[in-house]
Amino acid sequence: MKWFLPLLLVGNLFQQDKLVISREQKTNLRKILRILASYDIKYGQFWTPLDESKPIKMDCSGTTQYIYKTVLGISLPRTSYDQYLAVKNSGNLQEPPKTIDGKIDIDKLRAMLKTGDLLFWINTHSDIPKDRNPPVGHVMIYLGRDKLGVMKAGGANTFGRGEKVLKGGVDIFTFDPNQKIGCVKDNTGRCKLESEFIGFGRPGR
């Protein structure tokens, strides 16, 4: 089924090799995610926008790929791992700062993040190809902070409560970099490797 989605493409701005996102584009990142959430798109569901001829699989990387193309005019690779490599190869990948106890320093991270950054996690599920190094399995888009100062991320989650969805799907979610969002399981179904937020950044041009 096709759905109407307003055209939010407002062009690209670059400063040297780093993607610069305008205030209007930042607003449109949130706007497009709220529109998609209103369609109640489930994680991994095939969905066809009015301006596309083929359905899009709205898993995490399919969603970030579509949003980057529609809002920013930037073509991202298809998988979360290849999107990670695109950011890394551009020289813009940053690792989250850690506290002495090994947790992510949220205050420092908050100061480093910029709206539009891609967010990457490893070990989020058991089907991550074994040749991925690191084993990136999930990606979302950083959307900045709300009026209460809470960090927000947009994209497709397999579970979790968003602004509209209650049990996963495409929406805007609270971003807690220390929260576990999945794991790699052993043969008994128990977690052997916990998920971890490992990096963020924007691709170059």
N, C-alpha and C. Protein backbone atom coordinates (compact mmCIF):
# COMPACT_ATOMS: atom_id res chain seq x y z
N MET A 1 0.84 -1.19 0.00
CA MET A 1 0.00 0.00 0.00
C MET A 1 0.88 1.25 0.00
N LYS A 2 0.49 2.26 -0.76
CA LYS A 2 1.25 3.49 -0.81
C LYS A 2 0.63 4.53 0.13
N TRP A 3 1.49 5.35 0.69
CA TRP A 3 1.05 6.40 1.59
C TRP A 3 1.58 7.74 1.09
N PHE A 4 0.85 8.80 1.35
CA PHE A 4 1.31 10.14 0.97
C PHE A 4 2.27 10.65 2.02
N LEU A 5 3.42 11.14 1.59
CA LEU A 5 4.37 11.73 2.51
C LEU A 5 4.85 13.04 1.90
N PRO A 6 4.67 14.18 2.58
CA PRO A 6 5.10 15.46 2.03
C PRO A 6 6.59 15.46 1.73
N LEU A 7 6.99 16.15 0.67
CA LEU A 7 8.39 16.23 0.30
C LEU A 7 9.11 17.14 1.28
N LEU A 8 10.12 16.59 1.96
CA LEU A 8 10.84 17.35 2.98
C LEU A 8 12.28 17.64 2.57
N LEU A 9 12.62 17.32 1.34
CA LEU A 9 13.97 17.53 0.88
C LEU A 9 14.24 19.02 0.71
N VAL A 10 15.20 19.54 1.44
CA VAL A 10 15.48 20.98 1.37
C VAL A 10 16.94 21.25 1.02
N GLY A 11 17.63 20.25 0.48
CA GLY A 11 18.97 20.50 -0.01
C GLY A 11 20.06 20.13 0.97
N ASN A 12 21.30 20.17 0.46
CA ASN A 12 22.46 19.79 1.26
C ASN A 12 23.35 21.00 1.47
N LEU A 13 23.94 21.08 2.64
CA LEU A 13 24.94 22.09 2.92
C LEU A 13 26.17 21.38 3.44
N PHE A 14 27.35 21.70 2.89
CA PHE A 14 28.57 21.04 3.32
C PHE A 14 29.60 22.09 3.72
N GLN A 15 30.36 21.76 4.73
CA GLN A 15 31.50 22.56 5.13
C GLN A 15 32.70 21.65 5.06
N GLN A 16 33.55 21.85 4.06
CA GLN A 16 34.63 20.93 3.76
C GLN A 16 34.02 19.54 3.53
N ASP A 17 34.41 18.53 4.32
CA ASP A 17 33.89 17.18 4.11
C ASP A 17 32.83 16.80 5.13
N LYS A 18 32.43 17.74 5.98
CA LYS A 18 31.46 17.41 7.02
C LYS A 18 30.08 17.93 6.64
N LEU A 19 29.11 17.07 6.84
CA LEU A 19 27.73 17.42 6.54
C LEU A 19 27.21 18.42 7.55
N VAL A 20 26.72 19.55 7.07
CA VAL A 20 26.13 20.57 7.93
C VAL A 20 24.62 20.54 7.70
N ILE A 21 23.87 20.43 8.78
CA ILE A 21 22.42 20.32 8.68
C ILE A 21 21.78 21.63 9.14
N SER A 22 20.90 22.17 8.32
CA SER A 22 20.27 23.44 8.64
C SER A 22 19.21 23.28 9.72
N ARG A 23 18.77 24.40 10.27
CA ARG A 23 17.71 24.36 11.29
C ARG A 23 16.43 23.77 10.72
N GLU A 24 16.12 24.11 9.47
CA GLU A 24 14.91 23.58 8.84
C GLU A 24 15.01 22.06 8.67
N GLN A 25 16.18 21.59 8.27
CA GLN A 25 16.36 20.15 8.12
C GLN A 25 16.25 19.42 9.46
N LYS A 26 16.77 20.03 10.53
CA LYS A 26 16.64 19.43 11.86
C LYS A 26 15.17 19.29 12.24
N THR A 27 14.40 20.32 11.95
CA THR A 27 12.96 20.27 12.22
C THR A 27 12.30 19.19 11.39
N ASN A 28 12.72 19.07 10.13
CA ASN A 28 12.11 18.09 9.23
C ASN A 28 12.46 16.65 9.59
N LEU A 29 13.61 16.43 10.23
CA LEU A 29 13.94 15.08 10.70
C LEU A 29 12.88 14.61 11.69
N ARG A 30 12.51 15.47 12.62
CA ARG A 30 11.48 15.11 13.60
C ARG A 30 10.11 14.99 12.93
N LYS A 31 9.85 15.91 12.00
CA LYS A 31 8.55 15.93 11.33
C LYS A 31 8.30 14.64 10.55
N ILE A 32 9.29 14.19 9.79
CA ILE A 32 9.09 12.99 8.97
C ILE A 32 8.90 11.76 9.85
N LEU A 33 9.60 11.70 10.98
CA LEU A 33 9.45 10.55 11.87
C LEU A 33 8.07 10.53 12.51
N ARG A 34 7.53 11.68 12.84
CA ARG A 34 6.17 11.72 13.41
C ARG A 34 5.14 11.33 12.36
N ILE A 35 5.38 11.70 11.11
CA ILE A 35 4.48 11.29 10.03
C ILE A 35 4.53 9.77 9.86
N LEU A 36 5.74 9.22 9.84
CA LEU A 36 5.89 7.77 9.70
C LEU A 36 5.26 7.03 10.87
N ALA A 37 5.42 7.57 12.07
CA ALA A 37 4.83 6.93 13.26
C ALA A 37 3.31 6.91 13.16
N SER A 38 2.73 7.94 12.54
CA SER A 38 1.27 7.99 12.41
C SER A 38 0.75 6.90 11.50
N TYR A 39 1.61 6.33 10.64
CA TYR A 39 1.21 5.23 9.76
C TYR A 39 1.31 3.88 10.46
N ASP A 40 1.83 3.86 11.70
CA ASP A 40 1.95 2.64 12.50
C ASP A 40 2.75 1.58 11.74
N ILE A 41 3.94 1.97 11.27
CA ILE A 41 4.80 1.05 10.53
C ILE A 41 5.57 0.19 11.53
N LYS A 42 5.41 -1.10 11.43
CA LYS A 42 6.09 -2.03 12.32
C LYS A 42 7.55 -2.20 11.90
N TYR A 43 8.38 -2.66 12.84
CA TYR A 43 9.78 -2.89 12.52
C TYR A 43 9.90 -3.96 11.42
N GLY A 44 10.65 -3.62 10.37
CA GLY A 44 10.87 -4.57 9.28
C GLY A 44 9.73 -4.66 8.29
N GLN A 45 8.66 -3.87 8.47
CA GLN A 45 7.53 -3.91 7.55
C GLN A 45 7.92 -3.29 6.21
N PHE A 46 7.41 -3.84 5.12
CA PHE A 46 7.61 -3.23 3.81
C PHE A 46 6.57 -2.14 3.61
N TRP A 47 7.04 -0.96 3.19
CA TRP A 47 6.19 0.23 3.10
C TRP A 47 6.58 0.99 1.84
N THR A 48 5.59 1.47 1.09
CA THR A 48 5.86 2.16 -0.18
C THR A 48 5.38 3.60 -0.12
N PRO A 49 6.28 4.57 -0.07
CA PRO A 49 5.87 5.98 -0.15
C PRO A 49 5.29 6.28 -1.52
N LEU A 50 4.53 7.35 -1.62
CA LEU A 50 3.89 7.72 -2.87
C LEU A 50 4.91 8.03 -3.95
N ASP A 51 6.08 8.57 -3.55
CA ASP A 51 7.08 8.98 -4.53
C ASP A 51 8.10 7.87 -4.84
N GLU A 52 7.82 6.65 -4.39
CA GLU A 52 8.70 5.53 -4.67
C GLU A 52 7.94 4.44 -5.44
N SER A 53 8.66 3.71 -6.30
CA SER A 53 8.01 2.66 -7.08
C SER A 53 8.13 1.30 -6.41
N LYS A 54 9.10 1.17 -5.50
CA LYS A 54 9.32 -0.11 -4.84
C LYS A 54 9.15 0.04 -3.33
N PRO A 55 8.67 -1.00 -2.67
CA PRO A 55 8.53 -0.93 -1.22
C PRO A 55 9.88 -0.90 -0.52
N ILE A 56 9.92 -0.27 0.62
CA ILE A 56 11.12 -0.15 1.43
C ILE A 56 10.95 -0.99 2.68
N LYS A 57 11.96 -1.77 3.03
CA LYS A 57 11.91 -2.52 4.27
C LYS A 57 12.31 -1.60 5.41
N MET A 58 11.37 -1.31 6.29
CA MET A 58 11.60 -0.32 7.34
C MET A 58 12.18 -0.97 8.59
N ASP A 59 13.34 -1.61 8.42
CA ASP A 59 14.13 -2.00 9.58
C ASP A 59 14.98 -0.80 9.96
N CYS A 60 15.94 -0.98 10.86
CA CYS A 60 16.66 0.20 11.35
C CYS A 60 17.41 0.93 10.24
N SER A 61 18.19 0.20 9.44
CA SER A 61 19.00 0.85 8.41
C SER A 61 18.18 1.28 7.20
N GLY A 62 17.11 0.53 6.89
CA GLY A 62 16.23 0.96 5.81
C GLY A 62 15.54 2.27 6.14
N THR A 63 15.21 2.46 7.42
CA THR A 63 14.56 3.69 7.86
C THR A 63 15.52 4.86 7.84
N THR A 64 16.74 4.68 8.37
CA THR A 64 17.71 5.78 8.34
C THR A 64 18.09 6.13 6.91
N GLN A 65 18.19 5.12 6.06
CA GLN A 65 18.51 5.37 4.65
C GLN A 65 17.42 6.23 3.99
N TYR A 66 16.15 5.88 4.24
CA TYR A 66 15.05 6.62 3.64
C TYR A 66 14.98 8.05 4.18
N ILE A 67 15.15 8.22 5.48
CA ILE A 67 15.05 9.55 6.08
C ILE A 67 16.19 10.45 5.61
N TYR A 68 17.41 9.92 5.57
CA TYR A 68 18.55 10.71 5.10
C TYR A 68 18.34 11.16 3.66
N LYS A 69 17.83 10.26 2.84
CA LYS A 69 17.59 10.60 1.43
C LYS A 69 16.49 11.66 1.30
N THR A 70 15.40 11.49 2.03
CA THR A 70 14.24 12.37 1.89
C THR A 70 14.49 13.76 2.48
N VAL A 71 15.10 13.82 3.65
CA VAL A 71 15.28 15.10 4.33
C VAL A 71 16.58 15.78 3.95
N LEU A 72 17.67 15.00 3.82
CA LEU A 72 18.98 15.59 3.61
C LEU A 72 19.53 15.41 2.20
N GLY A 73 18.87 14.57 1.40
CA GLY A 73 19.35 14.33 0.05
C GLY A 73 20.64 13.53 0.01
N ILE A 74 20.91 12.76 1.07
CA ILE A 74 22.14 12.00 1.18
C ILE A 74 21.83 10.51 1.00
N SER A 75 22.59 9.84 0.15
CA SER A 75 22.41 8.41 -0.08
C SER A 75 23.29 7.62 0.88
N LEU A 76 22.67 6.89 1.78
CA LEU A 76 23.40 6.03 2.70
C LEU A 76 23.42 4.60 2.17
N PRO A 77 24.43 3.81 2.54
CA PRO A 77 24.40 2.38 2.22
C PRO A 77 23.21 1.70 2.90
N ARG A 78 22.93 0.46 2.54
CA ARG A 78 21.71 -0.20 3.00
C ARG A 78 21.79 -0.75 4.42
N THR A 79 22.93 -1.28 4.86
CA THR A 79 22.97 -1.93 6.15
C THR A 79 23.55 -1.03 7.24
N SER A 80 23.24 -1.35 8.49
CA SER A 80 23.78 -0.57 9.61
C SER A 80 25.30 -0.61 9.62
N TYR A 81 25.87 -1.77 9.29
CA TYR A 81 27.33 -1.90 9.28
C TYR A 81 27.95 -1.03 8.19
N ASP A 82 27.36 -1.03 7.00
CA ASP A 82 27.90 -0.21 5.92
C ASP A 82 27.70 1.28 6.20
N GLN A 83 26.63 1.63 6.89
CA GLN A 83 26.46 3.02 7.29
C GLN A 83 27.52 3.41 8.31
N TYR A 84 27.83 2.49 9.22
CA TYR A 84 28.92 2.70 10.19
C TYR A 84 30.24 2.94 9.45
N LEU A 85 30.53 2.10 8.46
CA LEU A 85 31.77 2.25 7.70
C LEU A 85 31.80 3.56 6.93
N ALA A 86 30.65 4.01 6.42
CA ALA A 86 30.59 5.28 5.69
C ALA A 86 30.98 6.44 6.60
N VAL A 87 30.51 6.40 7.85
CA VAL A 87 30.87 7.45 8.80
C VAL A 87 32.35 7.32 9.19
N LYS A 88 32.78 6.10 9.46
CA LYS A 88 34.17 5.87 9.86
C LYS A 88 35.14 6.30 8.75
N ASN A 89 34.85 5.90 7.52
CA ASN A 89 35.74 6.21 6.40
C ASN A 89 35.77 7.70 6.07
N SER A 90 34.74 8.43 6.49
CA SER A 90 34.73 9.88 6.28
C SER A 90 35.58 10.61 7.31
N GLY A 91 36.02 9.88 8.35
CA GLY A 91 36.81 10.49 9.41
C GLY A 91 36.00 11.17 10.47
N ASN A 92 34.66 10.98 10.43
CA ASN A 92 33.78 11.68 11.36
C ASN A 92 33.24 10.82 12.49
N LEU A 93 33.68 9.57 12.57
CA LEU A 93 33.18 8.69 13.63
C LEU A 93 33.81 9.04 14.97
N GLN A 94 32.98 9.15 16.00
CA GLN A 94 33.46 9.42 17.35
C GLN A 94 32.99 8.32 18.30
N GLU A 95 33.82 8.00 19.27
CA GLU A 95 33.44 7.04 20.29
C GLU A 95 32.85 7.77 21.49
N PRO A 96 31.89 7.16 22.17
CA PRO A 96 31.30 7.82 23.33
C PRO A 96 32.29 7.88 24.49
N PRO A 97 32.33 9.00 25.22
CA PRO A 97 33.23 9.11 26.37
C PRO A 97 32.76 8.22 27.51
N LYS A 98 33.70 7.69 28.27
CA LYS A 98 33.36 6.76 29.35
C LYS A 98 33.76 7.35 30.71
N THR A 99 33.04 6.92 31.74
CA THR A 99 33.38 7.25 33.11
C THR A 99 34.37 6.20 33.64
N ILE A 100 34.85 6.40 34.85
CA ILE A 100 35.82 5.48 35.43
C ILE A 100 35.26 4.06 35.55
N ASP A 101 33.95 3.95 35.81
CA ASP A 101 33.34 2.62 35.98
C ASP A 101 32.97 1.96 34.66
N GLY A 102 33.33 2.58 33.54
CA GLY A 102 33.11 1.98 32.24
C GLY A 102 31.81 2.34 31.56
N LYS A 103 30.95 3.07 32.26
CA LYS A 103 29.70 3.50 31.64
C LYS A 103 29.93 4.74 30.78
N ILE A 104 28.98 4.99 29.89
CA ILE A 104 29.10 6.16 29.02
C ILE A 104 28.79 7.41 29.84
N ASP A 105 29.64 8.42 29.70
CA ASP A 105 29.47 9.69 30.39
C ASP A 105 28.41 10.50 29.63
N ILE A 106 27.20 10.51 30.14
CA ILE A 106 26.08 11.10 29.43
C ILE A 106 26.25 12.61 29.28
N ASP A 107 26.76 13.29 30.30
CA ASP A 107 26.93 14.74 30.21
C ASP A 107 27.92 15.12 29.11
N LYS A 108 29.03 14.40 29.04
CA LYS A 108 30.01 14.69 27.99
C LYS A 108 29.48 14.31 26.62
N LEU A 109 28.79 13.18 26.55
CA LEU A 109 28.24 12.74 25.27
C LEU A 109 27.21 13.74 24.76
N ARG A 110 26.36 14.22 25.64
CA ARG A 110 25.33 15.19 25.27
C ARG A 110 25.94 16.43 24.62
N ALA A 111 27.09 16.85 25.12
CA ALA A 111 27.76 18.03 24.58
C ALA A 111 28.41 17.76 23.23
N MET A 112 28.71 16.49 22.95
CA MET A 112 29.38 16.13 21.70
C MET A 112 28.41 15.87 20.56
N LEU A 113 27.24 15.33 20.88
CA LEU A 113 26.28 14.93 19.85
C LEU A 113 25.68 16.14 19.12
N LYS A 114 25.38 15.92 17.84
CA LYS A 114 24.71 16.94 17.03
C LYS A 114 23.52 16.30 16.32
N THR A 115 22.46 17.06 16.21
CA THR A 115 21.27 16.56 15.52
C THR A 115 21.62 16.09 14.12
N GLY A 116 21.18 14.89 13.79
CA GLY A 116 21.48 14.30 12.49
C GLY A 116 22.57 13.25 12.55
N ASP A 117 23.28 13.18 13.68
CA ASP A 117 24.31 12.13 13.82
C ASP A 117 23.66 10.75 13.75
N LEU A 118 24.34 9.82 13.09
CA LEU A 118 23.93 8.43 13.13
C LEU A 118 24.48 7.79 14.40
N LEU A 119 23.65 6.98 15.06
CA LEU A 119 24.01 6.33 16.32
C LEU A 119 24.15 4.83 16.06
N PHE A 120 25.22 4.22 16.57
CA PHE A 120 25.49 2.82 16.26
C PHE A 120 25.65 1.97 17.52
N TRP A 121 25.08 0.75 17.46
CA TRP A 121 25.19 -0.24 18.53
C TRP A 121 25.76 -1.54 17.98
N ILE A 122 26.43 -2.30 18.83
CA ILE A 122 26.90 -3.64 18.48
C ILE A 122 26.17 -4.68 19.33
N ASN A 123 26.21 -5.93 18.86
CA ASN A 123 25.68 -7.09 19.60
C ASN A 123 24.21 -6.94 19.99
N THR A 124 23.40 -6.42 19.08
CA THR A 124 21.99 -6.19 19.39
C THR A 124 21.10 -7.38 19.10
N HIS A 125 21.57 -8.33 18.29
CA HIS A 125 20.78 -9.53 18.00
C HIS A 125 21.71 -10.64 17.52
N SER A 126 21.17 -11.84 17.41
CA SER A 126 21.99 -13.02 17.12
C SER A 126 22.25 -13.26 15.64
N ASP A 127 21.63 -12.47 14.77
CA ASP A 127 21.78 -12.69 13.33
C ASP A 127 22.79 -11.76 12.68
N ILE A 128 23.60 -11.09 13.47
CA ILE A 128 24.62 -10.21 12.89
C ILE A 128 25.67 -11.08 12.18
N PRO A 129 25.97 -10.79 10.92
CA PRO A 129 26.98 -11.59 10.20
C PRO A 129 28.31 -11.63 10.95
N LYS A 130 28.93 -12.79 10.97
CA LYS A 130 30.15 -12.99 11.75
C LYS A 130 31.34 -12.23 11.19
N ASP A 131 31.27 -11.77 9.93
CA ASP A 131 32.40 -11.05 9.35
C ASP A 131 32.36 -9.55 9.64
N ARG A 132 31.37 -9.11 10.39
CA ARG A 132 31.31 -7.68 10.74
C ARG A 132 32.28 -7.40 11.90
N ASN A 133 33.15 -6.43 11.70
CA ASN A 133 34.10 -6.05 12.74
C ASN A 133 34.20 -4.53 12.79
N PRO A 134 33.55 -3.91 13.79
CA PRO A 134 32.84 -4.50 14.93
C PRO A 134 31.46 -5.02 14.51
N PRO A 135 30.81 -5.83 15.37
CA PRO A 135 29.51 -6.43 15.03
C PRO A 135 28.34 -5.46 15.18
N VAL A 136 28.32 -4.44 14.31
CA VAL A 136 27.25 -3.43 14.34
C VAL A 136 25.94 -4.08 13.94
N GLY A 137 24.90 -3.83 14.74
CA GLY A 137 23.60 -4.44 14.45
C GLY A 137 22.43 -3.49 14.51
N HIS A 138 22.68 -2.22 14.86
CA HIS A 138 21.56 -1.28 14.98
C HIS A 138 22.04 0.14 14.73
N VAL A 139 21.18 0.95 14.10
CA VAL A 139 21.48 2.35 13.82
C VAL A 139 20.22 3.18 13.97
N MET A 140 20.37 4.39 14.50
CA MET A 140 19.27 5.36 14.58
C MET A 140 19.84 6.75 14.31
N ILE A 141 18.98 7.75 14.32
CA ILE A 141 19.39 9.13 14.07
C ILE A 141 19.18 9.96 15.34
N TYR A 142 20.21 10.70 15.73
CA TYR A 142 20.08 11.58 16.91
C TYR A 142 19.26 12.81 16.53
N LEU A 143 18.29 13.15 17.38
CA LEU A 143 17.36 14.24 17.08
C LEU A 143 17.50 15.42 18.03
N GLY A 144 18.49 15.40 18.91
CA GLY A 144 18.64 16.49 19.86
C GLY A 144 17.87 16.22 21.14
N ARG A 145 17.64 17.29 21.91
CA ARG A 145 16.97 17.18 23.21
C ARG A 145 15.59 17.81 23.15
N ASP A 146 14.68 17.28 23.97
CA ASP A 146 13.35 17.89 24.06
C ASP A 146 13.38 19.04 25.06
N LYS A 147 12.23 19.60 25.37
CA LYS A 147 12.15 20.77 26.24
C LYS A 147 12.62 20.47 27.66
N LEU A 148 12.61 19.20 28.03
CA LEU A 148 13.06 18.80 29.37
C LEU A 148 14.53 18.40 29.39
N GLY A 149 15.18 18.49 28.23
CA GLY A 149 16.59 18.13 28.15
C GLY A 149 16.86 16.67 27.91
N VAL A 150 15.81 15.89 27.61
CA VAL A 150 15.96 14.45 27.37
C VAL A 150 16.42 14.22 25.94
N MET A 151 17.47 13.42 25.77
CA MET A 151 17.98 13.13 24.43
C MET A 151 17.01 12.21 23.68
N LYS A 152 16.85 12.46 22.39
CA LYS A 152 15.92 11.71 21.57
C LYS A 152 16.61 11.15 20.33
N ALA A 153 16.15 9.97 19.92
CA ALA A 153 16.66 9.34 18.70
C ALA A 153 15.47 8.88 17.86
N GLY A 154 15.63 8.89 16.55
CA GLY A 154 14.55 8.48 15.67
C GLY A 154 14.95 7.34 14.77
N GLY A 155 13.98 6.53 14.40
CA GLY A 155 14.22 5.41 13.51
C GLY A 155 13.29 4.26 13.82
N ALA A 156 13.76 3.05 13.53
CA ALA A 156 12.95 1.86 13.73
C ALA A 156 13.56 1.00 14.84
N ASN A 157 12.76 0.69 15.84
CA ASN A 157 13.16 -0.20 16.93
C ASN A 157 12.31 -1.46 16.91
N THR A 158 12.92 -2.58 17.29
CA THR A 158 12.15 -3.82 17.35
C THR A 158 11.19 -3.83 18.54
N PHE A 159 11.51 -3.06 19.57
CA PHE A 159 10.65 -2.96 20.74
C PHE A 159 10.86 -1.59 21.37
N GLY A 160 10.11 -1.30 22.41
CA GLY A 160 10.26 -0.03 23.11
C GLY A 160 9.12 0.92 22.82
N ARG A 161 8.89 1.82 23.74
CA ARG A 161 7.81 2.80 23.63
C ARG A 161 8.35 4.10 23.05
N GLY A 162 7.72 4.57 21.99
CA GLY A 162 8.07 5.83 21.38
C GLY A 162 7.05 6.91 21.71
N GLU A 163 7.06 7.98 20.95
CA GLU A 163 6.07 9.03 21.16
C GLU A 163 4.66 8.51 20.87
N LYS A 164 4.55 7.61 19.88
CA LYS A 164 3.25 7.09 19.49
C LYS A 164 3.17 5.57 19.66
N VAL A 165 4.18 4.87 19.20
CA VAL A 165 4.14 3.41 19.24
C VAL A 165 4.41 2.92 20.67
N LEU A 166 3.83 1.77 20.99
CA LEU A 166 3.97 1.23 22.34
C LEU A 166 4.93 0.05 22.40
N LYS A 167 5.06 -0.68 21.29
CA LYS A 167 5.88 -1.89 21.29
C LYS A 167 6.76 -1.96 20.05
N GLY A 168 7.51 -0.92 19.80
CA GLY A 168 8.42 -0.91 18.67
C GLY A 168 7.78 -0.44 17.38
N GLY A 169 8.63 -0.18 16.39
CA GLY A 169 8.18 0.34 15.10
C GLY A 169 8.97 1.58 14.76
N VAL A 170 8.47 2.38 13.84
CA VAL A 170 9.13 3.61 13.42
C VAL A 170 8.56 4.78 14.22
N ASP A 171 9.44 5.51 14.90
CA ASP A 171 8.98 6.59 15.77
C ASP A 171 10.18 7.35 16.32
N ILE A 172 9.89 8.24 17.27
CA ILE A 172 10.91 8.95 18.04
C ILE A 172 10.96 8.33 19.43
N PHE A 173 12.19 8.00 19.89
CA PHE A 173 12.37 7.31 21.16
C PHE A 173 13.34 8.09 22.05
N THR A 174 13.24 7.86 23.36
CA THR A 174 14.24 8.38 24.29
C THR A 174 15.56 7.67 24.04
N PHE A 175 16.64 8.43 24.01
CA PHE A 175 17.97 7.86 23.77
C PHE A 175 18.76 7.81 25.07
N ASP A 176 18.97 6.61 25.58
CA ASP A 176 19.81 6.37 26.75
C ASP A 176 20.97 5.50 26.30
N PRO A 177 22.17 6.06 26.15
CA PRO A 177 23.29 5.29 25.61
C PRO A 177 23.74 4.13 26.49
N ASN A 178 23.34 4.12 27.75
CA ASN A 178 23.71 3.02 28.65
C ASN A 178 22.65 1.93 28.71
N GLN A 179 21.53 2.13 28.04
CA GLN A 179 20.46 1.13 28.06
C GLN A 179 20.80 -0.02 27.12
N LYS A 180 20.54 -1.25 27.56
CA LYS A 180 20.72 -2.43 26.72
C LYS A 180 19.50 -2.57 25.81
N ILE A 181 19.76 -2.76 24.51
CA ILE A 181 18.64 -2.83 23.56
C ILE A 181 18.61 -4.16 22.82
N GLY A 182 19.24 -5.17 23.40
CA GLY A 182 19.25 -6.48 22.78
C GLY A 182 20.52 -7.22 23.17
N CYS A 183 20.70 -8.41 22.59
CA CYS A 183 21.90 -9.19 22.91
C CYS A 183 22.08 -10.29 21.87
N VAL A 184 23.27 -10.89 21.90
CA VAL A 184 23.54 -12.10 21.12
C VAL A 184 23.32 -13.28 22.06
N LYS A 185 22.47 -14.22 21.63
CA LYS A 185 22.10 -15.33 22.51
C LYS A 185 22.89 -16.60 22.17
N ASP A 186 23.04 -17.46 23.19
CA ASP A 186 23.67 -18.76 22.97
C ASP A 186 22.61 -19.78 22.57
N ASN A 187 22.99 -21.04 22.49
CA ASN A 187 22.07 -22.10 22.04
C ASN A 187 20.90 -22.34 22.98
N THR A 188 21.04 -21.89 24.22
CA THR A 188 19.96 -22.07 25.20
C THR A 188 19.00 -20.88 25.22
N GLY A 189 19.31 -19.86 24.44
CA GLY A 189 18.45 -18.68 24.43
C GLY A 189 18.85 -17.62 25.43
N ARG A 190 19.97 -17.83 26.11
CA ARG A 190 20.44 -16.85 27.09
C ARG A 190 21.42 -15.88 26.42
N CYS A 191 21.45 -14.65 26.93
CA CYS A 191 22.36 -13.64 26.38
C CYS A 191 23.81 -13.98 26.72
N LYS A 192 24.65 -14.02 25.72
CA LYS A 192 26.08 -14.23 25.95
C LYS A 192 26.88 -12.96 25.68
N LEU A 193 26.34 -12.06 24.86
CA LEU A 193 26.96 -10.77 24.59
C LEU A 193 25.88 -9.70 24.64
N GLU A 194 26.05 -8.71 25.50
CA GLU A 194 25.08 -7.64 25.62
C GLU A 194 25.33 -6.55 24.58
N SER A 195 24.27 -5.86 24.19
CA SER A 195 24.41 -4.75 23.26
C SER A 195 25.22 -3.62 23.88
N GLU A 196 25.80 -2.79 23.03
CA GLU A 196 26.60 -1.67 23.51
C GLU A 196 26.57 -0.55 22.48
N PHE A 197 26.34 0.68 22.93
CA PHE A 197 26.42 1.85 22.06
C PHE A 197 27.90 2.17 21.85
N ILE A 198 28.34 2.18 20.58
CA ILE A 198 29.79 2.28 20.36
C ILE A 198 30.25 3.50 19.58
N GLY A 199 29.35 4.24 18.94
CA GLY A 199 29.85 5.37 18.18
C GLY A 199 28.77 6.18 17.50
N PHE A 200 29.18 7.33 17.00
CA PHE A 200 28.22 8.24 16.36
C PHE A 200 28.96 9.17 15.39
N GLY A 201 28.22 9.78 14.51
CA GLY A 201 28.80 10.74 13.58
C GLY A 201 27.99 10.83 12.31
N ARG A 202 28.44 11.70 11.41
CA ARG A 202 27.77 11.89 10.12
C ARG A 202 28.70 11.50 8.99
N PRO A 203 28.14 10.98 7.91
CA PRO A 203 28.99 10.67 6.74
C PRO A 203 29.47 11.94 6.09
N GLY A 204 30.58 11.84 5.35
CA GLY A 204 31.03 12.97 4.56
C GLY A 204 30.26 13.03 3.25
N ARG A 205 30.66 13.92 2.39
CA ARG A 205 29.95 14.01 1.12
C ARG A 205 30.48 13.02 0.10
